[in-house]
Amino acid sequence: MTRVLAPRERETLLSHRADVDTTIDNGATYTQVRILAHLFAAARDERFRKGALDGIDFLLAAQYPNGGWPQFFPLRSDYSRHVTFNDGAMAGVLSLLLDVSEGREPFGFVDADRRARAARAVKTGTSAILASQVVVGGARTAWGAQHDAETLAPRPARAFEPVALASAESVGVVRFLMRLAAPSREVVAAVEAAVAWLRSVRIDGLRVEHRSDPSFPNGVDTVATPDPAAPPVWARFYEIGTNRPLFCGRDGVVRWRLAEIEHERRTGYAWYVDAPAALLTKDYPAWKARHAMEAPR
């Protein structure tokens, strides 16, 4: 994103500028806003300031009244209308707006009105997170990759993304909640419950790796095999209520072993993740120690 573009590349980008396919998926939009803010801090070029402010305004406009964000805005008619935690979308936007609301560098140039609007967006976004945390048997657990835009119930997306609890996405949500300077009792309870759930679904003794296999078109396969020496992993998706790791191919049929889905999806999607490890061993203990002497409001 920061390299110098050739004239032909600039022309190609400008030809798509009117496309209404703007997304917060895979770090899009909020990452560019951060880069523009850093560029303005370094160069004091008005183009960068205006670009960052326009991006902030766009993100504020895209927020649902209940505090969530869709994957695409303007809205589409597909699953992207759901409140999207997938790939860190909502957590990424909220972290940006939290920095804006607090005037953290490089956002010192943002005016008071936008800072106040960002603070309100963070407040309602936090409320949406708390309201969408999945409750099973009276106990809070974690979050799905996407939730209904109105009811906040977990929802599916693509055929291979069924309704489920999502481990990596929940890590991003918890990290955002832990950034709040004065967490409420509700926020603390949400963090504690999600951490407890992540601990409970940790998988030990399973090694997940890409192996050379010339029998497949791309020459590799993704396999999960027992190995007592393997570091802990987490399934990307867990069935709500049972916490069974689940896997799904393009046929939309839920299966319970990675080997049971087709090779293309087996190798083309991250079915196991290790993101919770750092949260549980470093981030959460540090947060706990930091707030040990503070009584939640």
Protein backbone atom coordinates (compact mmCIF):
# COMPACT_ATOMS: atom_id res chain seq x y z
CA MET A 1 0.00 0.00 0.00
CA THR A 2 2.92 2.36 0.47
CA ARG A 3 4.92 1.64 -2.67
CA VAL A 4 5.06 4.17 -5.50
CA LEU A 5 2.61 3.27 -8.24
CA ALA A 6 3.39 3.38 -11.93
CA PRO A 7 1.15 5.68 -14.04
CA ARG A 8 -0.71 2.68 -15.50
CA GLU A 9 -1.40 1.32 -12.02
CA ARG A 10 -2.76 4.68 -10.87
CA GLU A 11 -5.05 4.82 -13.88
CA THR A 12 -6.36 1.36 -13.13
CA LEU A 13 -7.10 2.26 -9.52
CA LEU A 14 -8.78 5.52 -10.44
CA SER A 15 -11.01 3.72 -12.95
CA HIS A 16 -12.48 1.71 -10.05
CA ARG A 17 -12.83 4.58 -7.62
CA ALA A 18 -16.61 4.79 -8.04
CA ASP A 19 -17.14 1.08 -7.32
CA VAL A 20 -19.37 0.59 -4.28
CA ASP A 21 -17.61 -2.50 -2.95
CA THR A 22 -15.94 -1.00 0.10
CA THR A 23 -15.27 -3.52 2.86
CA ILE A 24 -13.75 -3.92 6.31
CA ASP A 25 -12.84 -7.53 5.55
CA ASN A 26 -9.21 -8.67 5.85
CA GLY A 27 -8.06 -5.39 7.37
CA ALA A 28 -9.47 -3.21 4.60
CA THR A 29 -10.39 0.45 5.11
CA TYR A 30 -9.39 0.86 8.76
CA THR A 31 -5.83 -0.14 7.88
CA GLN A 32 -5.69 2.46 5.11
CA VAL A 33 -7.03 5.09 7.50
CA ARG A 34 -4.17 4.31 9.89
CA ILE A 35 -1.61 4.56 7.09
CA LEU A 36 -2.99 7.91 5.93
CA ALA A 37 -2.87 9.23 9.49
CA HIS A 38 0.77 8.18 9.84
CA LEU A 39 1.58 9.77 6.49
CA PHE A 40 -0.03 13.04 7.54
CA ALA A 41 1.92 13.00 10.79
CA ALA A 42 5.14 12.55 8.83
CA ALA A 43 4.52 14.80 5.81
CA ARG A 44 1.76 17.20 6.95
CA ASP A 45 0.26 16.83 3.47
CA GLU A 46 -3.41 17.90 3.46
CA ARG A 47 -4.32 15.04 1.10
CA PHE A 48 -3.44 12.53 3.77
CA ARG A 49 -5.38 14.34 6.49
CA LYS A 50 -8.48 14.61 4.31
CA GLY A 51 -8.21 10.96 3.27
CA ALA A 52 -7.99 9.80 6.88
CA LEU A 53 -10.94 11.97 7.95
CA ASP A 54 -13.02 10.78 5.00
CA GLY A 55 -12.25 7.19 6.00
CA ILE A 56 -13.27 7.83 9.60
CA ASP A 57 -16.51 9.43 8.43
CA PHE A 58 -17.21 6.43 6.21
CA LEU A 59 -16.72 3.97 9.06
CA LEU A 60 -18.97 5.99 11.35
CA ALA A 61 -21.67 6.08 8.66
CA ALA A 62 -21.44 2.32 8.11
CA GLN A 63 -22.23 1.40 11.73
CA TYR A 64 -25.63 -0.11 12.45
CA PRO A 65 -27.80 1.60 15.11
CA ASN A 66 -27.24 -1.44 17.36
CA GLY A 67 -23.47 -0.88 17.23
CA GLY A 68 -22.39 -3.55 14.75
CA TRP A 69 -20.75 -3.22 11.34
CA PRO A 70 -21.57 -5.07 8.12
CA GLN A 71 -18.76 -6.54 6.06
CA PHE A 72 -19.58 -4.28 3.09
CA PHE A 73 -21.02 -0.78 2.95
CA PRO A 74 -23.11 0.30 1.11
CA LEU A 75 -25.05 -2.81 2.05
CA ARG A 76 -25.29 -5.83 -0.19
CA SER A 77 -28.11 -8.38 -0.25
CA ASP A 78 -26.01 -11.36 0.88
CA TYR A 79 -24.45 -12.61 4.12
CA SER A 80 -22.16 -9.58 4.24
CA ARG A 81 -25.06 -7.64 5.81
CA HIS A 82 -24.49 -9.57 9.03
CA VAL A 83 -22.56 -7.95 11.87
CA THR A 84 -19.09 -9.16 10.96
CA PHE A 85 -16.45 -10.35 13.41
CA ASN A 86 -14.86 -12.55 10.73
CA ASP A 87 -11.15 -11.90 10.10
CA GLY A 88 -11.09 -9.24 12.81
CA ALA A 89 -13.37 -6.84 10.93
CA MET A 90 -15.38 -5.28 13.74
CA ALA A 91 -12.58 -5.48 16.29
CA GLY A 92 -10.28 -3.70 13.85
CA VAL A 93 -12.74 -0.86 13.25
CA LEU A 94 -13.43 -0.43 16.96
CA SER A 95 -9.74 -0.38 17.83
CA LEU A 96 -9.20 2.37 15.26
CA LEU A 97 -12.14 4.41 16.54
CA LEU A 98 -10.97 3.95 20.12
CA ASP A 99 -7.63 5.50 19.15
CA VAL A 100 -9.45 8.32 17.36
CA SER A 101 -11.75 9.00 20.32
CA GLU A 102 -8.79 9.20 22.70
CA GLY A 103 -6.72 11.35 20.37
CA ARG A 104 -3.89 8.82 20.34
CA GLU A 105 -1.13 9.49 17.86
CA PRO A 106 -1.18 9.69 14.96
CA PHE A 107 -4.79 10.87 15.37
CA GLY A 108 -4.07 14.09 17.25
CA PHE A 109 -5.28 16.08 14.21
CA VAL A 110 -8.85 14.75 14.46
CA ASP A 111 -11.34 17.44 15.52
CA ALA A 112 -13.38 17.29 18.73
CA ASP A 113 -16.67 16.53 16.96
CA ARG A 114 -15.28 13.45 15.22
CA ARG A 115 -13.60 12.31 18.41
CA ALA A 116 -16.95 12.52 20.22
CA ARG A 117 -18.70 10.61 17.43
CA ALA A 118 -15.99 7.96 17.53
CA ALA A 119 -16.43 7.64 21.30
CA ARG A 120 -20.17 7.08 20.87
CA ALA A 121 -19.47 4.49 18.16
CA VAL A 122 -17.11 2.65 20.50
CA LYS A 123 -19.72 2.67 23.25
CA THR A 124 -22.49 1.27 21.05
CA GLY A 125 -20.07 -1.17 19.41
CA THR A 126 -19.08 -2.48 22.83
CA SER A 127 -22.75 -2.91 23.69
CA ALA A 128 -23.23 -4.95 20.50
CA ILE A 129 -20.31 -7.17 21.44
CA LEU A 130 -21.73 -7.84 24.89
CA ALA A 131 -25.20 -8.51 23.49
CA SER A 132 -23.94 -10.95 20.86
CA GLN A 133 -21.72 -13.10 23.11
CA VAL A 134 -23.27 -16.55 22.79
CA VAL A 135 -24.85 -17.96 25.95
CA VAL A 136 -25.09 -21.75 26.36
CA GLY A 137 -26.81 -23.22 29.39
CA GLY A 138 -26.75 -19.86 31.13
CA ALA A 139 -23.00 -19.39 30.62
CA ARG A 140 -21.37 -16.91 28.28
CA THR A 141 -18.98 -18.44 25.76
CA ALA A 142 -17.56 -16.65 22.70
CA TRP A 143 -18.68 -15.12 19.40
CA GLY A 144 -19.50 -16.35 15.93
CA ALA A 145 -17.82 -15.11 12.79
CA GLN A 146 -20.94 -13.13 11.98
CA HIS A 147 -24.18 -12.28 13.77
CA ASP A 148 -27.63 -11.22 12.60
CA ALA A 149 -27.84 -7.49 11.93
CA GLU A 150 -31.05 -7.22 13.97
CA THR A 151 -31.21 -10.06 16.50
CA LEU A 152 -27.42 -10.47 16.93
CA ALA A 153 -27.84 -14.26 16.84
CA PRO A 154 -24.99 -16.22 15.17
CA ARG A 155 -25.41 -16.59 11.41
CA PRO A 156 -23.71 -18.55 8.60
CA ALA A 157 -21.85 -17.00 5.68
CA ARG A 158 -20.46 -18.95 2.75
CA ALA A 159 -21.38 -22.62 2.34
CA PHE A 160 -18.27 -23.73 4.25
CA GLU A 161 -18.85 -21.21 7.07
CA PRO A 162 -21.78 -22.56 9.13
CA VAL A 163 -23.19 -21.18 12.37
CA ALA A 164 -20.47 -21.82 14.96
CA LEU A 165 -18.34 -20.30 17.69
CA ALA A 166 -15.20 -18.83 16.12
CA SER A 167 -11.99 -19.04 18.14
CA ALA A 168 -9.69 -16.63 16.31
CA GLU A 169 -12.39 -14.00 15.85
CA SER A 170 -13.22 -14.22 19.56
CA VAL A 171 -9.56 -13.55 20.36
CA GLY A 172 -9.75 -10.27 18.45
CA VAL A 173 -12.93 -9.28 20.25
CA VAL A 174 -11.40 -10.02 23.65
CA ARG A 175 -8.29 -8.04 22.80
CA PHE A 176 -10.44 -5.04 21.95
CA LEU A 177 -12.40 -5.35 25.21
CA MET A 178 -9.15 -5.53 27.15
CA ARG A 179 -8.11 -2.20 25.64
CA LEU A 180 -10.95 -0.34 27.35
CA ALA A 181 -9.43 1.84 30.06
CA ALA A 182 -12.22 1.50 32.62
CA PRO A 183 -13.99 -1.79 31.88
CA SER A 184 -17.47 -2.20 33.28
CA ARG A 185 -18.53 -5.28 35.20
CA GLU A 186 -20.19 -6.51 32.03
CA VAL A 187 -17.00 -6.12 30.01
CA VAL A 188 -14.92 -7.89 32.66
CA ALA A 189 -17.45 -10.73 32.78
CA ALA A 190 -17.38 -11.04 28.99
CA VAL A 191 -13.59 -11.24 28.93
CA GLU A 192 -13.43 -13.78 31.75
CA ALA A 193 -16.09 -15.96 30.14
CA ALA A 194 -14.44 -15.91 26.71
CA VAL A 195 -11.04 -16.73 28.19
CA ALA A 196 -12.57 -19.63 30.13
CA TRP A 197 -14.20 -20.91 26.95
CA LEU A 198 -10.97 -20.66 24.94
CA ARG A 199 -9.16 -22.60 27.64
CA SER A 200 -11.85 -25.27 27.60
CA VAL A 201 -11.65 -25.90 23.85
CA ARG A 202 -7.85 -25.99 23.57
CA ILE A 203 -6.63 -29.02 21.61
CA ASP A 204 -3.44 -30.72 22.74
CA GLY A 205 -1.52 -33.51 21.06
CA LEU A 206 -2.55 -32.71 17.51
CA ARG A 207 -0.12 -31.56 14.85
CA VAL A 208 -1.57 -29.71 11.87
CA GLU A 209 0.75 -29.30 8.91
CA HIS A 210 1.00 -28.96 5.17
CA ARG A 211 2.65 -32.02 3.67
CA SER A 212 4.04 -32.64 0.24
CA ASP A 213 1.77 -35.03 -1.62
CA PRO A 214 2.20 -35.33 -5.38
CA SER A 215 -1.12 -37.18 -5.68
CA PHE A 216 -2.97 -33.86 -5.33
CA PRO A 217 -3.18 -31.13 -8.01
CA ASN A 218 -1.18 -28.58 -6.04
CA GLY A 219 1.23 -31.16 -4.64
CA VAL A 220 0.33 -30.57 -0.97
CA ASP A 221 -2.23 -31.69 1.58
CA THR A 222 -3.23 -30.38 5.01
CA VAL A 223 -3.32 -33.10 7.62
CA ALA A 224 -4.00 -33.32 11.36
CA THR A 225 -2.27 -36.20 13.12
CA PRO A 226 -1.77 -37.17 16.80
CA ASP A 227 1.51 -35.92 18.24
CA PRO A 228 2.09 -35.49 22.01
CA ALA A 229 4.86 -32.97 21.28
CA ALA A 230 2.67 -30.66 19.18
CA PRO A 231 1.92 -27.16 20.49
CA PRO A 232 -1.69 -26.41 21.41
CA VAL A 233 -4.10 -25.51 18.63
CA TRP A 234 -7.73 -24.49 18.38
CA ALA A 235 -10.28 -25.37 15.75
CA ARG A 236 -11.45 -22.39 13.78
CA PHE A 237 -15.10 -23.35 14.36
CA TYR A 238 -16.84 -25.12 17.24
CA GLU A 239 -20.39 -26.41 17.32
CA ILE A 240 -22.50 -24.30 19.66
CA GLY A 241 -23.60 -26.34 22.66
CA THR A 242 -21.18 -29.26 22.27
CA ASN A 243 -17.89 -27.44 21.50
CA ARG A 244 -17.08 -30.11 18.91
CA PRO A 245 -14.63 -28.87 16.25
CA LEU A 246 -16.45 -28.76 12.94
CA PHE A 247 -15.38 -28.63 9.31
CA CYS A 248 -17.36 -27.93 6.19
CA GLY A 249 -16.77 -28.19 2.47
CA ARG A 250 -18.38 -26.30 -0.37
CA ASP A 251 -21.32 -28.71 -0.19
CA GLY A 252 -22.34 -27.08 3.11
CA VAL A 253 -22.38 -30.38 5.02
CA VAL A 254 -20.89 -30.18 8.51
CA ARG A 255 -18.29 -32.85 9.22
CA TRP A 256 -16.21 -33.64 12.28
CA ARG A 257 -12.77 -34.43 10.87
CA LEU A 258 -10.57 -32.31 8.64
CA ALA A 259 -9.88 -35.31 6.39
CA GLU A 260 -13.59 -35.61 5.58
CA ILE A 261 -13.86 -32.40 3.54
CA GLU A 262 -12.64 -32.01 -0.01
CA HIS A 263 -8.97 -31.31 -0.70
CA GLU A 264 -9.57 -27.82 -2.10
CA ARG A 265 -11.23 -26.60 1.10
CA ARG A 266 -8.92 -28.65 3.31
CA THR A 267 -5.89 -26.82 1.96
CA GLY A 268 -7.52 -23.51 1.11
CA TYR A 269 -8.84 -22.46 4.51
CA ALA A 270 -7.40 -22.11 8.01
CA TRP A 271 -9.32 -24.82 9.89
CA TYR A 272 -6.97 -24.75 12.89
CA VAL A 273 -5.51 -21.62 14.49
CA ASP A 274 -3.06 -20.76 17.26
CA ALA A 275 -4.17 -17.17 17.91
CA PRO A 276 -5.60 -17.93 21.38
CA ALA A 277 -2.19 -19.06 22.68
CA ALA A 278 -0.69 -15.57 23.03
CA LEU A 279 -3.93 -14.20 24.44
CA LEU A 280 -4.08 -16.84 27.17
CA THR A 281 -0.38 -16.87 28.08
CA LYS A 282 0.51 -13.17 27.73
CA ASP A 283 -2.27 -10.69 27.01
CA TYR A 284 -4.88 -11.91 29.46
CA PRO A 285 -2.49 -12.35 32.42
CA ALA A 286 -1.12 -8.83 31.80
CA TRP A 287 -4.65 -7.41 31.63
CA LYS A 288 -5.63 -9.28 34.79
CA ALA A 289 -2.62 -7.96 36.67
CA ARG A 290 -3.25 -4.42 35.44
CA HIS A 291 -6.81 -4.43 36.73
CA ALA A 292 -6.21 -6.49 39.84
CA MET A 293 -6.32 -3.42 42.07
CA GLU A 294 -9.27 -1.83 40.29
CA ALA A 295 -12.85 -2.62 41.25
CA PRO A 296 -15.07 -2.84 38.16
CA ARG A 297 -17.78 -0.20 37.94
